[in-house]
Amino acid sequence: MSWLYAIVIGLIVGFIARALKPGADTMGWIKTCLIGIGGSLLATALGQALGFYRPGEASGFIASIIGAVIVLFVVAMIQKKKT
């Protein structure tokens, strides 16, 4: 059940991050979900490294959105280099 919860929250976070990031992002809902999950993992790792979260504690919703926006910028930079 926790995997389903992570996917649904990742999808929501991904859609919000895509709405906040300027520019056109042409990607489907699966990639959006993966961006959201990746952003949550990034926010958790950075938060634990900086001491905001204890080990085993997940990041919050806002931090997940910020992490997803960072992941979107990285993906956009990688896609620009390929073209």
PDB file of N, CA and C in Angstrom:
ATOM      1  N   MET A   1       0.816  -1.196   0.000  1.00  0.00           N
ATOM      2  CA  MET A   1       0.000   0.000   0.000  1.00  0.00           C
ATOM      3  C   MET A   1       0.860   1.261   0.000  1.00  0.00           C
ATOM      4  N   SER A   2       2.027   1.207   0.635  1.00  0.00           N
ATOM      5  CA  SER A   2       2.867   2.398   0.682  1.00  0.00           C
ATOM      6  C   SER A   2       3.421   2.737  -0.701  1.00  0.00           C
ATOM      7  N   TRP A   3       3.623   1.727  -1.575  1.00  0.00           N
ATOM      8  CA  TRP A   3       4.087   2.002  -2.937  1.00  0.00           C
ATOM      9  C   TRP A   3       3.010   2.751  -3.714  1.00  0.00           C
ATOM     10  N   LEU A   4       1.763   2.360  -3.559  1.00  0.00           N
ATOM     11  CA  LEU A   4       0.663   3.041  -4.231  1.00  0.00           C
ATOM     12  C   LEU A   4       0.559   4.479  -3.746  1.00  0.00           C
ATOM     13  N   TYR A   5       0.719   4.671  -2.447  1.00  0.00           N
ATOM     14  CA  TYR A   5       0.704   6.023  -1.873  1.00  0.00           C
ATOM     15  C   TYR A   5       1.841   6.861  -2.455  1.00  0.00           C
ATOM     16  N   ALA A   6       3.035   6.296  -2.570  1.00  0.00           N
ATOM     17  CA  ALA A   6       4.185   7.022  -3.116  1.00  0.00           C
ATOM     18  C   ALA A   6       3.950   7.395  -4.577  1.00  0.00           C
ATOM     19  N   ILE A   7       3.328   6.508  -5.341  1.00  0.00           N
ATOM     20  CA  ILE A   7       3.063   6.799  -6.745  1.00  0.00           C
ATOM     21  C   ILE A   7       2.043   7.919  -6.892  1.00  0.00           C
ATOM     22  N   VAL A   8       0.978   7.862  -6.116  1.00  0.00           N
ATOM     23  CA  VAL A   8      -0.060   8.898  -6.192  1.00  0.00           C
ATOM     24  C   VAL A   8       0.500  10.252  -5.752  1.00  0.00           C
ATOM     25  N   ILE A   9       1.216  10.285  -4.647  1.00  0.00           N
ATOM     26  CA  ILE A   9       1.806  11.539  -4.180  1.00  0.00           C
ATOM     27  C   ILE A   9       2.850  12.033  -5.174  1.00  0.00           C
ATOM     28  N   GLY A  10       3.644  11.113  -5.740  1.00  0.00           N
ATOM     29  CA  GLY A  10       4.628  11.489  -6.752  1.00  0.00           C
ATOM     30  C   GLY A  10       3.982  12.113  -7.968  1.00  0.00           C
ATOM     31  N   LEU A  11       2.856  11.587  -8.391  1.00  0.00           N
ATOM     32  CA  LEU A  11       2.136  12.137  -9.529  1.00  0.00           C
ATOM     33  C   LEU A  11       1.634  13.547  -9.220  1.00  0.00           C
ATOM     34  N   ILE A  12       1.086  13.732  -8.043  1.00  0.00           N
ATOM     35  CA  ILE A  12       0.597  15.058  -7.648  1.00  0.00           C
ATOM     36  C   ILE A  12       1.752  16.048  -7.553  1.00  0.00           C
ATOM     37  N   VAL A  13       2.840  15.632  -6.910  1.00  0.00           N
ATOM     38  CA  VAL A  13       4.010  16.500  -6.768  1.00  0.00           C
ATOM     39  C   VAL A  13       4.593  16.828  -8.142  1.00  0.00           C
ATOM     40  N   GLY A  14       4.663  15.839  -9.031  1.00  0.00           N
ATOM     41  CA  GLY A  14       5.177  16.065 -10.375  1.00  0.00           C
ATOM     42  C   GLY A  14       4.347  17.062 -11.154  1.00  0.00           C
ATOM     43  N   PHE A  15       3.031  16.957 -11.070  1.00  0.00           N
ATOM     44  CA  PHE A  15       2.161  17.906 -11.778  1.00  0.00           C
ATOM     45  C   PHE A  15       2.318  19.322 -11.220  1.00  0.00           C
ATOM     46  N   ILE A  16       2.424  19.445  -9.911  1.00  0.00           N
ATOM     47  CA  ILE A  16       2.604  20.774  -9.317  1.00  0.00           C
ATOM     48  C   ILE A  16       3.951  21.349  -9.713  1.00  0.00           C
ATOM     49  N   ALA A  17       4.999  20.528  -9.707  1.00  0.00           N
ATOM     50  CA  ALA A  17       6.330  20.997 -10.100  1.00  0.00           C
ATOM     51  C   ALA A  17       6.347  21.432 -11.560  1.00  0.00           C
ATOM     52  N   ARG A  18       5.680  20.674 -12.429  1.00  0.00           N
ATOM     53  CA  ARG A  18       5.611  21.067 -13.842  1.00  0.00           C
ATOM     54  C   ARG A  18       4.863  22.373 -14.014  1.00  0.00           C
ATOM     55  N   ALA A  19       3.860  22.623 -13.185  1.00  0.00           N
ATOM     56  CA  ALA A  19       3.111  23.874 -13.274  1.00  0.00           C
ATOM     57  C   ALA A  19       3.945  25.052 -12.778  1.00  0.00           C
ATOM     58  N   LEU A  20       4.834  24.815 -11.813  1.00  0.00           N
ATOM     59  CA  LEU A  20       5.642  25.898 -11.257  1.00  0.00           C
ATOM     60  C   LEU A  20       6.866  26.232 -12.104  1.00  0.00           C
ATOM     61  N   LYS A  21       7.396  25.254 -12.824  1.00  0.00           N
ATOM     62  CA  LYS A  21       8.606  25.473 -13.620  1.00  0.00           C
ATOM     63  C   LYS A  21       8.234  26.189 -14.911  1.00  0.00           C
ATOM     64  N   PRO A  22       8.942  27.284 -15.225  1.00  0.00           N
ATOM     65  CA  PRO A  22       8.644  27.981 -16.479  1.00  0.00           C
ATOM     66  C   PRO A  22       9.101  27.167 -17.681  1.00  0.00           C
ATOM     67  N   GLY A  23       8.432  27.368 -18.801  1.00  0.00           N
ATOM     68  CA  GLY A  23       8.778  26.661 -20.022  1.00  0.00           C
ATOM     69  C   GLY A  23       7.858  25.486 -20.266  1.00  0.00           C
ATOM     70  N   ALA A  24       7.967  24.965 -21.477  1.00  0.00           N
ATOM     71  CA  ALA A  24       7.117  23.841 -21.872  1.00  0.00           C
ATOM     72  C   ALA A  24       7.812  22.524 -21.553  1.00  0.00           C
ATOM     73  N   ASP A  25       7.123  21.664 -20.839  1.00  0.00           N
ATOM     74  CA  ASP A  25       7.620  20.325 -20.536  1.00  0.00           C
ATOM     75  C   ASP A  25       6.682  19.331 -21.196  1.00  0.00           C
ATOM     76  N   THR A  26       7.148  18.720 -22.264  1.00  0.00           N
ATOM     77  CA  THR A  26       6.322  17.746 -22.959  1.00  0.00           C
ATOM     78  C   THR A  26       6.702  16.355 -22.475  1.00  0.00           C
ATOM     79  N   MET A  27       5.937  15.875 -21.534  1.00  0.00           N
ATOM     80  CA  MET A  27       6.156  14.529 -21.000  1.00  0.00           C
ATOM     81  C   MET A  27       4.830  13.958 -20.556  1.00  0.00           C
ATOM     82  N   GLY A  28       4.759  12.657 -20.525  1.00  0.00           N
ATOM     83  CA  GLY A  28       3.531  11.968 -20.129  1.00  0.00           C
ATOM     84  C   GLY A  28       3.387  11.887 -18.623  1.00  0.00           C
ATOM     85  N   TRP A  29       2.324  11.241 -18.224  1.00  0.00           N
ATOM     86  CA  TRP A  29       2.037  11.169 -16.788  1.00  0.00           C
ATOM     87  C   TRP A  29       2.973  10.200 -16.073  1.00  0.00           C
ATOM     88  N   ILE A  30       3.512   9.212 -16.770  1.00  0.00           N
ATOM     89  CA  ILE A  30       4.446   8.284 -16.116  1.00  0.00           C
ATOM     90  C   ILE A  30       5.750   8.995 -15.781  1.00  0.00           C
ATOM     91  N   LYS A  31       6.272   9.761 -16.731  1.00  0.00           N
ATOM     92  CA  LYS A  31       7.502  10.518 -16.475  1.00  0.00           C
ATOM     93  C   LYS A  31       7.253  11.592 -15.415  1.00  0.00           C
ATOM     94  N   THR A  32       6.076  12.192 -15.433  1.00  0.00           N
ATOM     95  CA  THR A  32       5.730  13.181 -14.408  1.00  0.00           C
ATOM     96  C   THR A  32       5.730  12.540 -13.024  1.00  0.00           C
ATOM     97  N   CYS A  33       5.177  11.336 -12.931  1.00  0.00           N
ATOM     98  CA  CYS A  33       5.149  10.609 -11.667  1.00  0.00           C
ATOM     99  C   CYS A  33       6.567  10.289 -11.205  1.00  0.00           C
ATOM    100  N   LEU A  34       7.424   9.849 -12.133  1.00  0.00           N
ATOM    101  CA  LEU A  34       8.810   9.535 -11.780  1.00  0.00           C
ATOM    102  C   LEU A  34       9.572  10.785 -11.341  1.00  0.00           C
ATOM    103  N   ILE A  35       9.294  11.916 -11.970  1.00  0.00           N
ATOM    104  CA  ILE A  35       9.915  13.186 -11.568  1.00  0.00           C
ATOM    105  C   ILE A  35       9.485  13.537 -10.142  1.00  0.00           C
ATOM    106  N   GLY A  36       8.218  13.363  -9.833  1.00  0.00           N
ATOM    107  CA  GLY A  36       7.714  13.643  -8.484  1.00  0.00           C
ATOM    108  C   GLY A  36       8.322  12.739  -7.430  1.00  0.00           C
ATOM    109  N   ILE A  37       8.430  11.448  -7.737  1.00  0.00           N
ATOM    110  CA  ILE A  37       9.037  10.505  -6.791  1.00  0.00           C
ATOM    111  C   ILE A  37      10.515  10.817  -6.624  1.00  0.00           C
ATOM    112  N   GLY A  38      11.195  11.117  -7.747  1.00  0.00           N
ATOM    113  CA  GLY A  38      12.614  11.485  -7.670  1.00  0.00           C
ATOM    114  C   GLY A  38      12.839  12.752  -6.872  1.00  0.00           C
ATOM    115  N   GLY A  39      11.947  13.721  -7.019  1.00  0.00           N
ATOM    116  CA  GLY A  39      12.046  14.957  -6.247  1.00  0.00           C
ATOM    117  C   GLY A  39      11.868  14.722  -4.763  1.00  0.00           C
ATOM    118  N   SER A  40      10.963  13.831  -4.418  1.00  0.00           N
ATOM    119  CA  SER A  40      10.762  13.490  -3.013  1.00  0.00           C
ATOM    120  C   SER A  40      11.994  12.805  -2.432  1.00  0.00           C
ATOM    121  N   LEU A  41      12.579  11.885  -3.204  1.00  0.00           N
ATOM    122  CA  LEU A  41      13.797  11.215  -2.744  1.00  0.00           C
ATOM    123  C   LEU A  41      14.957  12.197  -2.609  1.00  0.00           C
ATOM    124  N   LEU A  42      15.071  13.122  -3.566  1.00  0.00           N
ATOM    125  CA  LEU A  42      16.121  14.133  -3.496  1.00  0.00           C
ATOM    126  C   LEU A  42      15.941  15.024  -2.270  1.00  0.00           C
ATOM    127  N   ALA A  43      14.706  15.461  -2.021  1.00  0.00           N
ATOM    128  CA  ALA A  43      14.439  16.322  -0.868  1.00  0.00           C
ATOM    129  C   ALA A  43      14.715  15.585   0.445  1.00  0.00           C
ATOM    130  N   THR A  44      14.388  14.309   0.495  1.00  0.00           N
ATOM    131  CA  THR A  44      14.661  13.518   1.695  1.00  0.00           C
ATOM    132  C   THR A  44      16.160  13.386   1.927  1.00  0.00           C
ATOM    133  N   ALA A  45      16.907  13.070   0.867  1.00  0.00           N
ATOM    134  CA  ALA A  45      18.360  12.899   0.999  1.00  0.00           C
ATOM    135  C   ALA A  45      19.038  14.207   1.396  1.00  0.00           C
ATOM    136  N   LEU A  46      18.655  15.304   0.747  1.00  0.00           N
ATOM    137  CA  LEU A  46      19.254  16.600   1.096  1.00  0.00           C
ATOM    138  C   LEU A  46      18.864  17.032   2.508  1.00  0.00           C
ATOM    139  N   GLY A  47      17.609  16.815   2.869  1.00  0.00           N
ATOM    140  CA  GLY A  47      17.156  17.176   4.207  1.00  0.00           C
ATOM    141  C   GLY A  47      17.861  16.397   5.299  1.00  0.00           C
ATOM    142  N   GLN A  48      18.111  15.111   5.055  1.00  0.00           N
ATOM    143  CA  GLN A  48      18.839  14.307   6.037  1.00  0.00           C
ATOM    144  C   GLN A  48      20.304  14.714   6.093  1.00  0.00           C
ATOM    145  N   ALA A  49      20.891  15.048   4.942  1.00  0.00           N
ATOM    146  CA  ALA A  49      22.295  15.472   4.924  1.00  0.00           C
ATOM    147  C   ALA A  49      22.488  16.812   5.632  1.00  0.00           C
ATOM    148  N   LEU A  50      21.498  17.689   5.528  1.00  0.00           N
ATOM    149  CA  LEU A  50      21.591  19.001   6.172  1.00  0.00           C
ATOM    150  C   LEU A  50      21.072  19.002   7.610  1.00  0.00           C
ATOM    151  N   GLY A  51      20.530  17.877   8.063  1.00  0.00           N
ATOM    152  CA  GLY A  51      20.072  17.758   9.439  1.00  0.00           C
ATOM    153  C   GLY A  51      18.641  18.194   9.678  1.00  0.00           C
ATOM    154  N   PHE A  52      17.866  18.414   8.591  1.00  0.00           N
ATOM    155  CA  PHE A  52      16.466  18.798   8.761  1.00  0.00           C
ATOM    156  C   PHE A  52      15.595  17.611   9.139  1.00  0.00           C
ATOM    157  N   TYR A  53      15.970  16.416   8.656  1.00  0.00           N
ATOM    158  CA  TYR A  53      15.215  15.200   8.922  1.00  0.00           C
ATOM    159  C   TYR A  53      16.126  14.164   9.560  1.00  0.00           C
ATOM    160  N   ARG A  54      15.551  13.345  10.425  1.00  0.00           N
ATOM    161  CA  ARG A  54      16.305  12.236  11.010  1.00  0.00           C
ATOM    162  C   ARG A  54      16.348  11.079  10.025  1.00  0.00           C
ATOM    163  N   PRO A  55      17.305  10.174  10.188  1.00  0.00           N
ATOM    164  CA  PRO A  55      17.340   8.989   9.319  1.00  0.00           C
ATOM    165  C   PRO A  55      16.025   8.211   9.410  1.00  0.00           C
ATOM    166  N   GLY A  56      15.507   7.852   8.256  1.00  0.00           N
ATOM    167  CA  GLY A  56      14.239   7.136   8.203  1.00  0.00           C
ATOM    168  C   GLY A  56      13.020   8.039   8.111  1.00  0.00           C
ATOM    169  N   GLU A  57      13.207   9.329   8.254  1.00  0.00           N
ATOM    170  CA  GLU A  57      12.106  10.285   8.183  1.00  0.00           C
ATOM    171  C   GLU A  57      12.021  10.843   6.772  1.00  0.00           C
ATOM    172  N   ALA A  58      10.836  10.883   6.195  1.00  0.00           N
ATOM    173  CA  ALA A  58      10.643  11.366   4.827  1.00  0.00           C
ATOM    174  C   ALA A  58      10.449  12.880   4.814  1.00  0.00           C
ATOM    175  N   SER A  59      10.687  13.459   3.646  1.00  0.00           N
ATOM    176  CA  SER A  59      10.508  14.900   3.505  1.00  0.00           C
ATOM    177  C   SER A  59       9.025  15.244   3.442  1.00  0.00           C
ATOM    178  N   GLY A  60       8.731  16.500   3.604  1.00  0.00           N
ATOM    179  CA  GLY A  60       7.356  16.970   3.544  1.00  0.00           C
ATOM    180  C   GLY A  60       6.910  17.237   2.122  1.00  0.00           C
ATOM    181  N   PHE A  61       5.669  17.640   1.984  1.00  0.00           N
ATOM    182  CA  PHE A  61       5.065  17.855   0.668  1.00  0.00           C
ATOM    183  C   PHE A  61       5.730  19.015  -0.057  1.00  0.00           C
ATOM    184  N   ILE A  62       5.941  20.134   0.632  1.00  0.00           N
ATOM    185  CA  ILE A  62       6.550  21.317   0.008  1.00  0.00           C
ATOM    186  C   ILE A  62       7.983  21.015  -0.396  1.00  0.00           C
ATOM    187  N   ALA A  63       8.735  20.348   0.460  1.00  0.00           N
ATOM    188  CA  ALA A  63      10.118  19.992   0.129  1.00  0.00           C
ATOM    189  C   ALA A  63      10.148  19.045  -1.066  1.00  0.00           C
ATOM    190  N   SER A  64       9.183  18.162  -1.181  1.00  0.00           N
ATOM    191  CA  SER A  64       9.111  17.252  -2.320  1.00  0.00           C
ATOM    192  C   SER A  64       8.875  18.020  -3.621  1.00  0.00           C
ATOM    193  N   ILE A  65       8.042  19.039  -3.556  1.00  0.00           N
ATOM    194  CA  ILE A  65       7.790  19.865  -4.743  1.00  0.00           C
ATOM    195  C   ILE A  65       9.064  20.604  -5.149  1.00  0.00           C
ATOM    196  N   ILE A  66       9.779  21.156  -4.181  1.00  0.00           N
ATOM    197  CA  ILE A  66      11.039  21.852  -4.477  1.00  0.00           C
ATOM    198  C   ILE A  66      12.045  20.874  -5.081  1.00  0.00           C
ATOM    199  N   GLY A  67      12.138  19.679  -4.530  1.00  0.00           N
ATOM    200  CA  GLY A  67      13.026  18.667  -5.083  1.00  0.00           C
ATOM    201  C   GLY A  67      12.643  18.281  -6.499  1.00  0.00           C
ATOM    202  N   ALA A  68      11.342  18.182  -6.775  1.00  0.00           N
ATOM    203  CA  ALA A  68      10.877  17.834  -8.116  1.00  0.00           C
ATOM    204  C   ALA A  68      11.187  18.938  -9.121  1.00  0.00           C
ATOM    205  N   VAL A  69      11.095  20.193  -8.697  1.00  0.00           N
ATOM    206  CA  VAL A  69      11.454  21.306  -9.587  1.00  0.00           C
ATOM    207  C   VAL A  69      12.946  21.236  -9.920  1.00  0.00           C
ATOM    208  N   ILE A  70      13.767  20.915  -8.931  1.00  0.00           N
ATOM    209  CA  ILE A  70      15.209  20.757  -9.177  1.00  0.00           C
ATOM    210  C   ILE A  70      15.453  19.626 -10.166  1.00  0.00           C
ATOM    211  N   VAL A  71      14.766  18.508  -9.980  1.00  0.00           N
ATOM    212  CA  VAL A  71      14.921  17.377 -10.900  1.00  0.00           C
ATOM    213  C   VAL A  71      14.457  17.770 -12.308  1.00  0.00           C
ATOM    214  N   LEU A  72      13.384  18.544 -12.421  1.00  0.00           N
ATOM    215  CA  LEU A  72      12.923  18.999 -13.733  1.00  0.00           C
ATOM    216  C   LEU A  72      13.968  19.861 -14.431  1.00  0.00           C
ATOM    217  N   PHE A  73      14.629  20.761 -13.690  1.00  0.00           N
ATOM    218  CA  PHE A  73      15.675  21.588 -14.287  1.00  0.00           C
ATOM    219  C   PHE A  73      16.842  20.730 -14.764  1.00  0.00           C
ATOM    220  N   VAL A  74      17.215  19.722 -13.987  1.00  0.00           N
ATOM    221  CA  VAL A  74      18.311  18.834 -14.381  1.00  0.00           C
ATOM    222  C   VAL A  74      17.933  18.050 -15.641  1.00  0.00           C
ATOM    223  N   VAL A  75      16.709  17.531 -15.687  1.00  0.00           N
ATOM    224  CA  VAL A  75      16.249  16.789 -16.860  1.00  0.00           C
ATOM    225  C   VAL A  75      16.222  17.694 -18.081  1.00  0.00           C
ATOM    226  N   ALA A  76      15.780  18.937 -17.928  1.00  0.00           N
ATOM    227  CA  ALA A  76      15.749  19.882 -19.048  1.00  0.00           C
ATOM    228  C   ALA A  76      17.169  20.178 -19.541  1.00  0.00           C
ATOM    229  N   MET A  77      18.134  20.311 -18.632  1.00  0.00           N
ATOM    230  CA  MET A  77      19.513  20.564 -19.051  1.00  0.00           C
ATOM    231  C   MET A  77      20.082  19.364 -19.797  1.00  0.00           C
ATOM    232  N   ILE A  78      19.765  18.163 -19.346  1.00  0.00           N
ATOM    233  CA  ILE A  78      20.254  16.955 -20.028  1.00  0.00           C
ATOM    234  C   ILE A  78      19.622  16.839 -21.412  1.00  0.00           C
ATOM    235  N   GLN A  79      18.348  17.146 -21.524  1.00  0.00           N
ATOM    236  CA  GLN A  79      17.673  17.057 -22.817  1.00  0.00           C
ATOM    237  C   GLN A  79      18.203  18.109 -23.796  1.00  0.00           C
ATOM    238  N   LYS A  80      18.591  19.288 -23.304  1.00  0.00           N
ATOM    239  CA  LYS A  80      19.160  20.323 -24.172  1.00  0.00           C
ATOM    240  C   LYS A  80      20.498  19.890 -24.717  1.00  0.00           C
ATOM    241  N   LYS A  81      21.316  19.215 -23.904  1.00  0.00           N
ATOM    242  CA  LYS A  81      22.622  18.766 -24.356  1.00  0.00           C
ATOM    243  C   LYS A  81      22.511  17.684 -25.412  1.00  0.00           C
ATOM    244  N   LYS A  82      21.459  16.864 -25.354  1.00  0.00           N
ATOM    245  CA  LYS A  82      21.291  15.793 -26.327  1.00  0.00           C
ATOM    246  C   LYS A  82      20.859  16.314 -27.688  1.00  0.00           C
ATOM    247  N   THR A  83      20.177  17.457 -27.713  1.00  0.00           N
ATOM    248  CA  THR A  83      19.694  17.988 -28.992  1.00  0.00           C
ATOM    249  C   THR A  83      20.612  18.998 -29.590  1.00  0.00           C
TER     250      THR A  83
END
